[in-house]
Amino acid sequence: MLEKIIALDQELFLYLNNLGGPTWDPFWLLITDKWTSIPLYAILLYLIYKNFGLKGTLLSVVMITLLIVSTDQLANVFKHGFQRPRPCRQEGVMEYARFVAVRCGRYGYFSAHASSTMGLAVFISLILKKSYKNLIYFLMIWVIFVSYSRIYVGVHYPLDVLTGSLIGAILGYLFYRFHLYLMNYFKLTF
């Protein structure tokens, strides 16, 4: 059963990965680059400040930092625990894939990019839902683009991305609940 799931994951990867071409490579490399999202982070930070003031923003930044560290470190634990080779290192896959990433790490289960972006999107959407109820839609588009970029550049299978997104969503929600508790505890208005 597991072998069949892995085979389907590899087939889907090859299909999605091979949708690209040299014309689109620079775009997806830009999307997958973590520094590209800095303007978005700046806007989100401004929206948080606008809604919660300085103290609430500081608490939110601490929570966001802990969330990103959690998703990233948990991904590292899974990668070294499962030791699933990335598509760009998997014999029988890498020969048929398009590898356009800058580098290829050793293991890829699960995607820290997908986990961090989903966790951040869920967390920020929930803390800002009263003021910006449609923000979730924009952030989910961002998550989809970043997540697909990991498949496009050849470093993650679809299940790596889906698992990362699921774990990110769970952690984003848990950090939101903790954030809500702390905002109420310190009477920082929510």
Protein backbone atom coordinates (compact mmCIF):
# COMPACT_ATOMS: atom_id res chain seq x y z
CA MET A 1 0.00 0.00 0.00
CA LEU A 2 2.76 2.45 0.96
CA GLU A 3 4.69 1.62 -2.19
CA LYS A 4 1.60 2.42 -4.28
CA ILE A 5 1.17 5.80 -2.56
CA ILE A 6 4.84 6.61 -3.13
CA ALA A 7 4.57 5.60 -6.80
CA LEU A 8 1.49 7.80 -7.28
CA ASP A 9 3.27 10.67 -5.52
CA GLN A 10 6.23 10.30 -7.88
CA GLU A 11 3.95 10.20 -10.94
CA LEU A 12 2.09 13.32 -9.81
CA PHE A 13 5.40 15.03 -9.09
CA LEU A 14 6.71 14.29 -12.57
CA TYR A 15 3.49 15.55 -14.15
CA LEU A 16 3.44 18.81 -12.13
CA ASN A 17 7.19 19.34 -12.37
CA ASN A 18 7.24 18.86 -16.14
CA LEU A 19 4.49 21.43 -16.74
CA GLY A 20 7.23 24.06 -16.69
CA GLY A 21 9.74 25.31 -19.16
CA PRO A 22 12.65 27.74 -19.37
CA THR A 23 10.30 30.69 -19.88
CA TRP A 24 8.67 30.16 -16.47
CA ASP A 25 11.77 29.09 -14.53
CA PRO A 26 12.79 32.61 -13.36
CA PHE A 27 9.24 33.31 -12.11
CA TRP A 28 9.04 30.12 -10.01
CA LEU A 29 12.59 30.58 -8.71
CA LEU A 30 11.51 34.05 -7.57
CA ILE A 31 8.37 32.67 -5.89
CA THR A 32 10.31 29.93 -4.09
CA ASP A 33 12.97 32.36 -2.80
CA LYS A 34 12.24 33.15 0.86
CA TRP A 35 13.35 36.77 0.45
CA THR A 36 10.66 37.49 -2.16
CA SER A 37 7.97 37.50 0.54
CA ILE A 38 9.55 40.31 2.57
CA PRO A 39 7.24 43.02 1.12
CA LEU A 40 4.23 40.84 2.02
CA TYR A 41 5.60 40.37 5.55
CA ALA A 42 6.04 44.14 5.87
CA ILE A 43 2.42 44.74 4.86
CA LEU A 44 1.16 42.07 7.26
CA LEU A 45 3.26 43.55 10.06
CA TYR A 46 1.73 46.96 9.36
CA LEU A 47 -1.80 45.47 9.50
CA ILE A 48 -0.99 43.78 12.81
CA TYR A 49 0.38 47.05 14.21
CA LYS A 50 -2.67 48.94 12.96
CA ASN A 51 -4.95 46.49 14.80
CA PHE A 52 -3.01 45.76 18.00
CA GLY A 53 -0.64 48.66 18.64
CA LEU A 54 2.97 48.30 19.69
CA LYS A 55 2.59 45.80 22.56
CA GLY A 56 0.20 43.58 20.61
CA THR A 57 2.53 43.71 17.61
CA LEU A 58 5.53 42.72 19.73
CA LEU A 59 3.60 39.76 21.13
CA SER A 60 2.48 38.81 17.61
CA VAL A 61 6.04 39.00 16.26
CA VAL A 62 7.26 36.73 19.09
CA MET A 63 4.46 34.26 18.30
CA ILE A 64 5.21 34.38 14.56
CA THR A 65 8.91 33.80 15.24
CA LEU A 66 8.13 30.82 17.46
CA LEU A 67 5.69 29.48 14.83
CA ILE A 68 8.27 29.69 12.03
CA VAL A 69 10.97 28.13 14.20
CA SER A 70 8.54 25.33 15.16
CA THR A 71 7.52 24.52 11.59
CA ASP A 72 11.11 24.66 10.39
CA GLN A 73 12.55 22.51 13.17
CA LEU A 74 9.72 19.99 13.01
CA ALA A 75 10.36 19.67 9.26
CA ASN A 76 14.03 18.98 10.02
CA VAL A 77 13.08 16.28 12.55
CA PHE A 78 10.79 14.62 9.98
CA LYS A 79 13.36 14.92 7.19
CA HIS A 80 16.04 13.17 9.21
CA GLY A 81 13.57 10.74 10.75
CA PHE A 82 12.00 9.56 7.49
CA GLN A 83 15.07 10.14 5.31
CA ARG A 84 13.01 10.30 2.12
CA PRO A 85 15.27 11.48 -0.69
CA ARG A 86 14.19 14.61 -2.50
CA PRO A 87 13.05 14.12 -6.11
CA CYS A 88 16.27 15.75 -7.32
CA ARG A 89 18.20 12.94 -5.57
CA GLN A 90 15.82 10.00 -6.16
CA GLU A 91 17.00 7.51 -8.75
CA GLY A 92 14.24 6.70 -11.20
CA VAL A 93 12.75 10.18 -10.72
CA MET A 94 15.59 12.68 -11.12
CA GLU A 95 16.32 11.44 -14.64
CA TYR A 96 12.83 12.52 -15.76
CA ALA A 97 12.39 15.65 -13.64
CA ARG A 98 13.23 19.25 -14.30
CA PHE A 99 15.58 20.46 -11.59
CA VAL A 100 15.83 24.26 -11.60
CA ALA A 101 16.42 24.98 -7.91
CA VAL A 102 19.64 26.59 -6.77
CA ARG A 103 20.50 23.55 -4.66
CA CYS A 104 19.11 20.18 -3.67
CA GLY A 105 19.13 19.12 -0.04
CA ARG A 106 19.40 15.51 0.95
CA TYR A 107 15.94 14.72 2.37
CA GLY A 108 12.58 16.32 1.70
CA TYR A 109 9.74 14.95 3.82
CA PHE A 110 8.05 17.33 4.64
CA SER A 111 8.33 20.77 3.04
CA ALA A 112 9.34 23.47 5.53
CA HIS A 113 8.38 26.13 2.96
CA ALA A 114 4.84 24.79 2.72
CA SER A 115 4.58 24.33 6.48
CA SER A 116 5.85 27.81 7.35
CA THR A 117 3.76 29.65 4.75
CA MET A 118 0.60 27.76 5.69
CA GLY A 119 1.23 28.22 9.42
CA LEU A 120 1.81 31.94 8.94
CA ALA A 121 -1.23 32.31 6.66
CA VAL A 122 -3.54 30.56 9.14
CA PHE A 123 -2.16 32.43 12.14
CA ILE A 124 -2.32 35.89 10.58
CA SER A 125 -5.69 35.29 8.94
CA LEU A 126 -7.15 34.29 12.29
CA ILE A 127 -5.68 37.15 14.34
CA LEU A 128 -6.81 39.68 11.73
CA LYS A 129 -10.14 38.08 10.77
CA LYS A 130 -12.26 40.73 12.50
CA SER A 131 -10.72 43.54 10.46
CA TYR A 132 -9.80 41.70 7.25
CA LYS A 133 -12.14 38.75 6.81
CA ASN A 134 -11.07 38.17 3.17
CA LEU A 135 -7.34 38.18 3.91
CA ILE A 136 -7.42 34.39 4.17
CA TYR A 137 -8.19 34.08 0.43
CA PHE A 138 -5.20 36.17 -0.59
CA LEU A 139 -2.89 34.34 1.81
CA MET A 140 -4.09 30.93 0.60
CA ILE A 141 -3.21 31.92 -2.96
CA TRP A 142 0.24 32.86 -1.66
CA VAL A 143 0.52 29.45 0.07
CA ILE A 144 -0.49 27.62 -3.11
CA PHE A 145 2.08 29.50 -5.18
CA VAL A 146 4.92 28.93 -2.71
CA SER A 147 3.96 25.28 -2.25
CA TYR A 148 3.74 24.56 -5.98
CA SER A 149 7.05 26.32 -6.52
CA ARG A 150 8.73 23.61 -4.44
CA ILE A 151 7.42 20.96 -6.84
CA TYR A 152 8.20 23.07 -9.91
CA VAL A 153 11.86 23.62 -8.99
CA GLY A 154 12.24 19.88 -8.32
CA VAL A 155 12.90 19.68 -4.58
CA HIS A 156 9.63 18.31 -3.14
CA TYR A 157 7.00 15.73 -3.94
CA PRO A 158 3.30 16.68 -3.70
CA LEU A 159 2.91 14.67 -0.46
CA ASP A 160 5.83 16.61 1.05
CA VAL A 161 3.95 19.80 0.30
CA LEU A 162 0.55 18.51 1.48
CA THR A 163 1.98 17.14 4.73
CA GLY A 164 3.84 20.40 5.34
CA SER A 165 0.68 22.41 4.67
CA LEU A 166 -1.37 20.27 7.04
CA ILE A 167 1.19 20.51 9.83
CA GLY A 168 1.54 24.25 9.22
CA ALA A 169 -2.24 24.73 9.42
CA ILE A 170 -2.42 22.83 12.71
CA LEU A 171 0.49 24.74 14.23
CA GLY A 172 -0.86 28.05 12.91
CA TYR A 173 -4.18 27.38 14.62
CA LEU A 174 -2.53 26.28 17.89
CA PHE A 175 -0.34 29.38 17.94
CA TYR A 176 -3.41 31.52 17.23
CA ARG A 177 -5.16 30.02 20.27
CA PHE A 178 -2.11 30.67 22.43
CA HIS A 179 -1.87 34.21 21.02
CA LEU A 180 -5.52 34.79 21.85
CA TYR A 181 -4.94 33.58 25.42
CA LEU A 182 -1.90 35.84 25.88
CA MET A 183 -3.62 38.88 24.37
CA ASN A 184 -6.49 38.42 26.83
CA TYR A 185 -4.16 37.65 29.74
CA PHE A 186 -2.11 40.80 29.19
CA LYS A 187 -5.29 42.78 28.30
CA LEU A 188 -3.88 43.89 24.97
CA THR A 189 -7.34 43.85 23.32
CA PHE A 190 -8.23 41.42 20.63
